[in-house]
Protein backbone atom coordinates (compact mmCIF):
# COMPACT_ATOMS: atom_id res chain seq x y z
CA MET A 1 23.69 21.89 -1.55
CA LEU A 2 22.19 24.88 0.47
CA PRO A 3 21.91 27.38 -2.28
CA TYR A 4 20.39 24.75 -4.46
CA THR A 5 17.96 24.10 -1.44
CA PHE A 6 17.69 27.78 -0.36
CA ARG A 7 16.33 29.07 -3.85
CA ARG A 8 14.22 25.84 -4.72
CA VAL A 9 12.41 27.00 -1.29
CA LEU A 10 12.21 30.62 -2.53
CA ILE A 11 10.51 28.74 -5.84
CA GLY A 12 7.88 26.95 -4.19
CA LEU A 13 6.90 29.73 -1.74
CA PHE A 14 6.54 31.72 -5.08
CA THR A 15 4.17 28.83 -6.28
CA LEU A 16 2.52 28.28 -3.26
CA LEU A 17 1.49 31.81 -2.76
CA LEU A 18 0.22 31.67 -6.26
CA ILE A 19 -1.82 28.40 -5.92
CA SER A 20 -3.70 29.37 -2.80
CA PHE A 21 -4.59 32.65 -4.78
CA VAL A 22 -6.21 30.82 -7.92
CA VAL A 23 -7.71 28.82 -5.82
CA TYR A 24 -8.99 31.14 -3.81
CA GLY A 25 -10.71 32.95 -6.56
CA LEU A 26 -12.11 29.99 -7.49
CA ILE A 27 -13.96 28.80 -4.52
CA ARG A 28 -15.33 32.77 -4.24
CA ALA A 29 -16.83 31.77 -8.17
CA MET A 30 -18.19 28.58 -7.10
CA PRO A 31 -22.50 28.92 -7.41
CA GLY A 32 -23.30 29.92 -4.07
CA ASP A 33 -21.88 31.25 -0.31
CA PRO A 34 -22.48 29.76 3.06
CA ALA A 35 -24.62 32.65 3.80
CA SER A 36 -27.16 31.15 1.34
CA LEU A 37 -26.52 27.81 2.07
CA ALA A 38 -27.45 28.71 5.76
CA ALA A 39 -30.64 31.18 4.57
CA TRP A 40 -32.00 28.43 1.55
CA GLY A 41 -30.76 25.09 2.66
CA GLN A 42 -28.36 23.32 0.87
CA GLU A 43 -30.39 22.18 -1.81
CA GLY A 44 -31.11 26.07 -2.02
CA ALA A 45 -34.90 25.07 -2.16
CA GLY A 46 -37.50 27.03 -0.45
CA ASP A 47 -37.80 30.62 0.50
CA LEU A 48 -35.56 32.50 2.27
CA THR A 49 -35.89 32.14 6.40
CA VAL A 50 -34.59 35.98 6.88
CA SER A 51 -35.19 38.84 6.32
CA ALA A 52 -32.72 40.42 4.03
CA ARG A 53 -31.47 42.62 6.50
CA GLU A 54 -30.39 39.45 7.97
CA PHE A 55 -29.09 37.72 5.17
CA GLU A 56 -27.06 40.97 5.29
CA GLU A 57 -25.50 40.63 8.45
CA MET A 58 -24.82 37.14 7.33
CA ARG A 59 -22.76 37.70 4.75
CA ARG A 60 -20.88 40.45 6.70
CA ALA A 61 -20.32 37.67 9.26
CA TYR A 62 -18.84 35.70 6.65
CA GLY A 63 -16.59 38.02 5.48
CA LEU A 64 -18.56 37.82 1.82
CA ASP A 65 -19.52 41.61 1.79
CA LYS A 66 -15.69 42.38 1.27
CA HIS A 67 -14.26 41.56 -2.76
CA TRP A 68 -12.56 38.37 -3.14
CA THR A 69 -9.11 39.95 -3.28
CA LEU A 70 -9.39 41.93 -0.36
CA ALA A 71 -11.18 38.26 1.83
CA TYR A 72 -7.87 36.53 0.00
CA PHE A 73 -5.37 39.07 1.53
CA GLU A 74 -7.06 39.13 4.98
CA TRP A 75 -6.81 35.49 4.57
CA LEU A 76 -3.22 35.21 3.69
CA GLY A 77 -2.31 37.34 6.72
CA LYS A 78 -3.80 35.34 9.28
CA ILE A 79 -1.50 32.47 7.59
CA VAL A 80 1.32 34.27 8.26
CA ARG A 81 0.35 34.09 11.70
CA GLY A 82 -0.03 30.38 11.75
CA ASP A 83 -3.89 31.05 11.72
CA LEU A 84 -6.04 28.70 10.03
CA GLY A 85 -9.12 30.52 10.46
CA ILE A 86 -12.32 29.26 12.04
CA SER A 87 -14.70 27.00 9.71
CA LEU A 88 -17.91 28.68 8.83
CA TYR A 89 -19.94 25.74 9.31
CA ASN A 90 -18.86 23.57 12.27
CA HIS A 91 -17.59 26.43 13.73
CA ARG A 92 -14.48 24.77 15.33
CA PRO A 93 -10.48 25.98 14.09
CA VAL A 94 -9.75 24.74 11.19
CA LYS A 95 -6.61 23.52 12.34
CA ASP A 96 -7.95 21.07 14.96
CA MET A 97 -10.74 19.90 12.04
CA ILE A 98 -7.25 19.04 9.65
CA LEU A 99 -5.19 17.91 12.80
CA ASP A 100 -8.13 15.03 14.16
CA ALA A 101 -8.32 13.88 10.66
CA LEU A 102 -4.93 13.40 10.04
CA GLY A 103 -4.78 10.55 12.13
CA PRO A 104 -7.89 8.00 10.56
CA THR A 105 -6.40 8.87 6.98
CA LEU A 106 -2.44 8.41 7.88
CA LEU A 107 -4.12 4.65 9.38
CA LEU A 108 -4.93 3.89 6.08
CA SER A 109 -2.63 5.48 3.66
CA VAL A 110 0.56 4.55 5.51
CA THR A 111 -0.82 1.42 5.69
CA SER A 112 -1.44 0.66 2.12
CA LEU A 113 1.46 2.46 0.58
CA SER A 114 3.86 0.38 2.64
CA LEU A 115 1.81 -3.12 1.28
CA ALA A 116 2.21 -1.34 -1.74
CA TYR A 117 5.63 -0.68 -2.07
CA VAL A 118 6.64 -3.89 -0.22
CA LEU A 119 4.73 -6.10 -2.72
CA SER A 120 5.52 -4.18 -5.72
CA ILE A 121 9.64 -4.18 -5.29
CA PRO A 122 9.78 -8.09 -5.59
CA LEU A 123 6.86 -8.61 -7.93
CA GLY A 124 8.83 -6.22 -10.20
CA LEU A 125 11.46 -7.62 -9.90
CA TYR A 126 10.30 -10.79 -10.58
CA SER A 127 8.43 -9.42 -13.72
CA ALA A 128 12.06 -7.96 -15.25
CA HIS A 129 13.52 -10.83 -14.39
CA ARG A 130 10.76 -13.81 -16.30
CA SER A 131 9.92 -10.76 -18.80
CA GLY A 132 8.57 -12.44 -21.97
CA LYS A 133 7.68 -15.91 -19.94
CA LEU A 134 4.25 -17.55 -19.93
CA ASP A 135 4.16 -16.75 -15.83
CA GLU A 136 5.42 -12.76 -16.39
CA ARG A 137 2.42 -12.71 -18.67
CA ALA A 138 -0.03 -13.92 -16.63
CA LEU A 139 0.96 -12.05 -13.88
CA SER A 140 1.13 -8.52 -16.06
CA GLY A 141 -2.95 -9.41 -17.10
CA PHE A 142 -3.42 -9.84 -13.81
CA LEU A 143 -2.33 -6.65 -12.98
CA TYR A 144 -3.98 -4.60 -15.92
CA VAL A 145 -7.16 -5.74 -15.28
CA LEU A 146 -6.51 -5.19 -11.30
CA TYR A 147 -5.76 -1.45 -12.43
CA SER A 148 -8.47 -1.45 -14.68
CA PHE A 149 -11.44 -1.30 -11.78
CA PRO A 150 -12.29 1.59 -10.36
CA SER A 151 -12.05 1.62 -6.44
CA TYR A 152 -15.46 2.98 -5.66
CA VAL A 153 -16.63 -0.03 -7.70
CA VAL A 154 -14.66 -2.34 -5.93
CA ALA A 155 -15.64 -1.06 -2.62
CA VAL A 156 -19.09 -1.36 -3.29
CA PHE A 157 -18.82 -4.85 -4.03
CA LEU A 158 -16.58 -5.78 -1.45
CA LEU A 159 -19.52 -3.83 0.95
CA LEU A 160 -22.18 -5.58 -1.04
CA LEU A 161 -20.05 -9.50 -0.41
CA LEU A 162 -18.09 -9.36 2.65
CA SER A 163 -20.29 -6.82 5.31
CA VAL A 164 -24.12 -7.27 3.79
CA GLU A 165 -23.82 -11.03 2.42
CA LEU A 166 -21.40 -12.88 4.54
CA LYS A 167 -20.94 -10.61 7.31
CA LEU A 168 -17.87 -11.10 8.01
CA LEU A 169 -16.16 -7.50 8.45
CA PRO A 170 -18.44 -4.25 9.49
CA LEU A 171 -20.17 -2.39 6.61
CA THR A 172 -18.67 1.11 7.94
CA GLY A 173 -16.94 3.94 9.88
CA MET A 174 -13.92 3.33 11.95
CA ARG A 175 -14.98 1.69 15.27
CA GLY A 176 -17.82 -0.17 16.44
CA LYS A 177 -20.49 0.80 18.64
CA ASP A 178 -18.83 -0.82 21.85
CA PHE A 179 -15.48 0.69 20.99
CA GLU A 180 -15.03 2.14 24.53
CA THR A 181 -16.27 -0.82 26.61
CA LEU A 182 -13.51 -3.33 24.74
CA SER A 183 -9.95 -3.98 26.36
CA GLY A 184 -6.98 -3.22 24.33
CA LEU A 185 -6.28 -5.97 22.12
CA ALA A 186 -10.02 -6.03 21.72
CA ARG A 187 -9.79 -2.52 20.65
CA GLY A 188 -7.09 -3.56 18.20
CA TRP A 189 -8.72 -6.44 16.50
CA ASP A 190 -11.80 -4.21 16.04
CA LEU A 191 -9.97 -1.32 14.58
CA LEU A 192 -8.09 -3.83 12.17
CA LYS A 193 -11.35 -5.34 11.23
CA HIS A 194 -12.69 -1.91 10.19
CA MET A 195 -9.79 -0.75 8.23
CA VAL A 196 -9.37 -4.24 6.38
CA LEU A 197 -11.64 -3.52 3.15
CA PRO A 198 -10.60 0.37 3.02
CA VAL A 199 -7.14 -0.54 3.01
CA ALA A 200 -7.83 -3.23 0.68
CA CYS A 201 -9.08 -0.43 -1.90
CA TYR A 202 -6.55 1.81 -1.08
CA THR A 203 -3.63 -0.79 -2.16
CA TYR A 204 -4.51 -2.71 -5.04
CA GLY A 205 -4.64 -0.07 -7.85
CA SER A 206 -1.50 1.54 -6.46
CA LEU A 207 0.11 -2.12 -5.99
CA ALA A 208 -0.28 -2.58 -9.95
CA TYR A 209 0.68 0.30 -11.11
CA TYR A 210 3.95 0.44 -8.96
CA THR A 211 4.61 -3.09 -10.22
CA ARG A 212 4.18 -2.33 -13.48
CA PHE A 213 6.17 1.32 -12.94
CA ILE A 214 8.77 -0.68 -11.44
CA ARG A 215 8.85 -3.74 -14.32
CA SER A 216 9.19 -1.38 -17.01
CA ASN A 217 12.22 0.42 -15.50
CA LEU A 218 14.36 -2.59 -14.85
CA VAL A 219 13.24 -3.76 -18.22
CA GLU A 220 14.75 -0.67 -19.96
CA VAL A 221 17.59 -0.29 -17.59
CA SER A 222 18.77 -4.05 -18.79
CA ARG A 223 18.94 -2.60 -22.59
CA GLN A 224 21.97 -0.31 -21.26
CA ASN A 225 25.27 -1.73 -22.70
CA TYR A 226 26.84 -1.74 -19.20
CA ILE A 227 24.46 -4.86 -18.19
CA LEU A 228 24.70 -6.29 -21.78
CA THR A 229 28.73 -6.16 -20.22
CA ALA A 230 27.63 -7.30 -16.27
CA ARG A 231 26.13 -10.46 -18.10
CA ALA A 232 28.83 -10.81 -20.73
CA LYS A 233 32.08 -11.05 -17.94
CA GLY A 234 29.49 -14.24 -16.86
CA LEU A 235 27.98 -12.66 -13.68
CA PRO A 236 25.34 -14.77 -12.10
CA GLU A 237 21.78 -13.09 -13.20
CA ARG A 238 20.63 -12.30 -8.98
CA THR A 239 23.67 -9.90 -9.10
CA VAL A 240 23.22 -8.49 -12.42
CA LEU A 241 19.93 -7.61 -11.36
CA PHE A 242 19.51 -6.26 -8.34
CA LYS A 243 23.58 -5.04 -7.72
CA HIS A 244 23.28 -3.34 -11.35
CA ALA A 245 19.81 -3.14 -12.96
CA PHE A 246 17.58 -1.96 -9.84
CA ARG A 247 20.06 0.49 -8.22
CA ASN A 248 19.88 2.24 -11.42
CA SER A 249 16.51 2.52 -11.89
CA LEU A 250 15.93 3.88 -8.14
CA ILE A 251 15.32 7.63 -9.52
CA PRO A 252 12.11 7.07 -11.20
CA LEU A 253 11.17 4.82 -8.09
CA VAL A 254 12.24 7.66 -5.90
CA THR A 255 10.65 10.56 -7.47
CA LEU A 256 7.26 8.54 -7.60
CA MET A 257 7.81 8.12 -3.79
CA GLY A 258 8.07 11.51 -3.25
CA LEU A 259 5.15 12.77 -5.24
CA SER A 260 3.37 9.98 -2.95
CA LEU A 261 3.92 12.12 0.03
CA PRO A 262 0.81 14.03 -0.83
CA THR A 263 -1.21 10.95 -0.59
CA LEU A 264 -0.29 10.36 2.95
CA LEU A 265 -2.11 12.73 4.13
CA SER A 266 -5.08 13.37 1.38
CA GLY A 267 -7.19 10.51 1.90
CA SER A 268 -9.27 9.78 -0.63
CA VAL A 269 -12.80 11.91 -0.96
CA ILE A 270 -14.79 8.87 -2.86
CA LEU A 271 -13.50 5.81 -0.51
CA GLU A 272 -13.63 7.86 2.46
CA ASN A 273 -17.22 8.63 2.13
CA ILE A 274 -18.43 5.24 0.84
CA PHE A 275 -16.63 3.68 4.08
CA ALA A 276 -17.76 6.45 6.34
CA TRP A 277 -13.99 6.73 7.74
CA PRO A 278 -13.75 10.23 9.48
CA GLY A 279 -10.28 11.11 7.53
CA MET A 280 -9.04 13.95 5.28
CA GLY A 281 -10.77 13.12 1.95
CA ARG A 282 -14.14 13.46 4.14
CA VAL A 283 -13.21 16.70 5.59
CA PHE A 284 -12.28 17.99 2.19
CA TYR A 285 -15.27 16.96 0.81
CA GLN A 286 -17.61 18.11 3.46
CA ALA A 287 -16.26 20.84 3.37
CA LEU A 288 -16.76 21.93 -0.37
CA TYR A 289 -20.48 20.67 -0.13
CA THR A 290 -20.86 23.24 2.86
CA ARG A 291 -18.40 26.01 1.01
CA ASP A 292 -16.58 26.20 4.52
CA TYR A 293 -14.07 28.56 2.56
CA PRO A 294 -11.35 28.74 5.45
CA LEU A 295 -12.00 24.87 5.96
CA ILE A 296 -11.28 24.51 2.01
CA MET A 297 -7.99 27.16 1.96
CA GLY A 298 -6.58 25.19 5.36
CA VAL A 299 -6.45 21.61 3.39
CA THR A 300 -5.60 22.72 0.10
CA LEU A 301 -3.06 24.92 1.36
CA MET A 302 -1.81 21.51 3.10
CA PHE A 303 -2.42 19.71 -0.39
CA SER A 304 -0.16 21.97 -1.91
CA VAL A 305 3.05 22.49 0.83
CA LEU A 306 3.02 18.29 0.64
CA VAL A 307 3.20 18.17 -2.90
CA LEU A 308 6.37 21.13 -3.26
CA ALA A 309 7.62 19.64 -0.13
CA GLY A 310 7.63 15.59 -2.16
CA THR A 311 9.42 17.37 -5.27
CA LEU A 312 12.11 18.80 -3.02
CA LEU A 313 12.18 16.07 -0.82
CA ALA A 314 12.96 13.49 -4.19
CA ASP A 315 15.39 15.95 -5.92
CA LEU A 316 17.67 16.07 -2.72
CA LEU A 317 17.65 12.41 -2.78
CA TYR A 318 18.92 11.46 -6.00
CA PRO A 319 22.51 12.03 -5.32
CA LEU A 320 22.37 9.51 -2.77
CA VAL A 321 20.80 6.68 -5.39
CA ASP A 322 22.90 8.51 -7.83
CA PRO A 323 26.38 9.85 -6.81
CA ARG A 324 26.84 11.21 -10.82
CA ILE A 325 24.12 13.86 -9.79
CA SER A 326 25.00 16.64 -7.85
CA HIS A 327 23.09 20.12 -6.15
CA ALA A 328 26.37 22.10 -6.11
């Protein structure tokens, strides 16, 4: 196990290096740069408001006077020392900005993923057990319809219905205006009301996908010879489904859970902007909009590490759900 893990970590570090190099080159190739945006504004309209000399000084201050490959290796040297740099737009440490946004994103993503898995596993088992029957077909049709709706369309619809028309839930944000003056229980209720719509929009698509995923794996496993043998022995259908079929369909589910790790911290760029939720998705959008190179690279580095860690974690968990697999 240890040699396998060490080998995978080395491959992951090389992959991470390659990803960061390509992404750095791509963001430096984007039209506009921090100095140009500062001099002309975000829309790039109007006349230059600074002299040519001041503009060149701004480029040097932002580190844009060097070739991007040289700038990349300077950034990499800081990363090795644990320094993610300073935001060019907010003038704050990138590490602090990421840490500030992690809490709100985790609040939504952990709640959403927990709900999705808690609901999708029994629904998937039920769908597999009732495969081909009228109620299962109705449930499958409903899940297909649910999955086909874009989350941003549902978000706007729910905002118009529940926040604007019925005024049952807050429109946007994470807290109310009087949050600081509320008691502990009232603060929790205020936060919960602000979370309802974002969590609903995060959850429904995942719920539909995971339910269909679990059902399809169970149906495929149920066709195997050992399942047919278990049924031929007269074992109860519930025992066959839970003890034999579901246990042997866990490998794809573990893989899916491992790949879900990045979504815990990545947030949703569209949804967080619609709901004005101060999470990672909104931070990443603002970083791209302002060409904030250190912040873009810091967030991208975190996402890449999570993807690689998620795949490694899933591989290491395989022997626990299937003893036939060994990493020795």
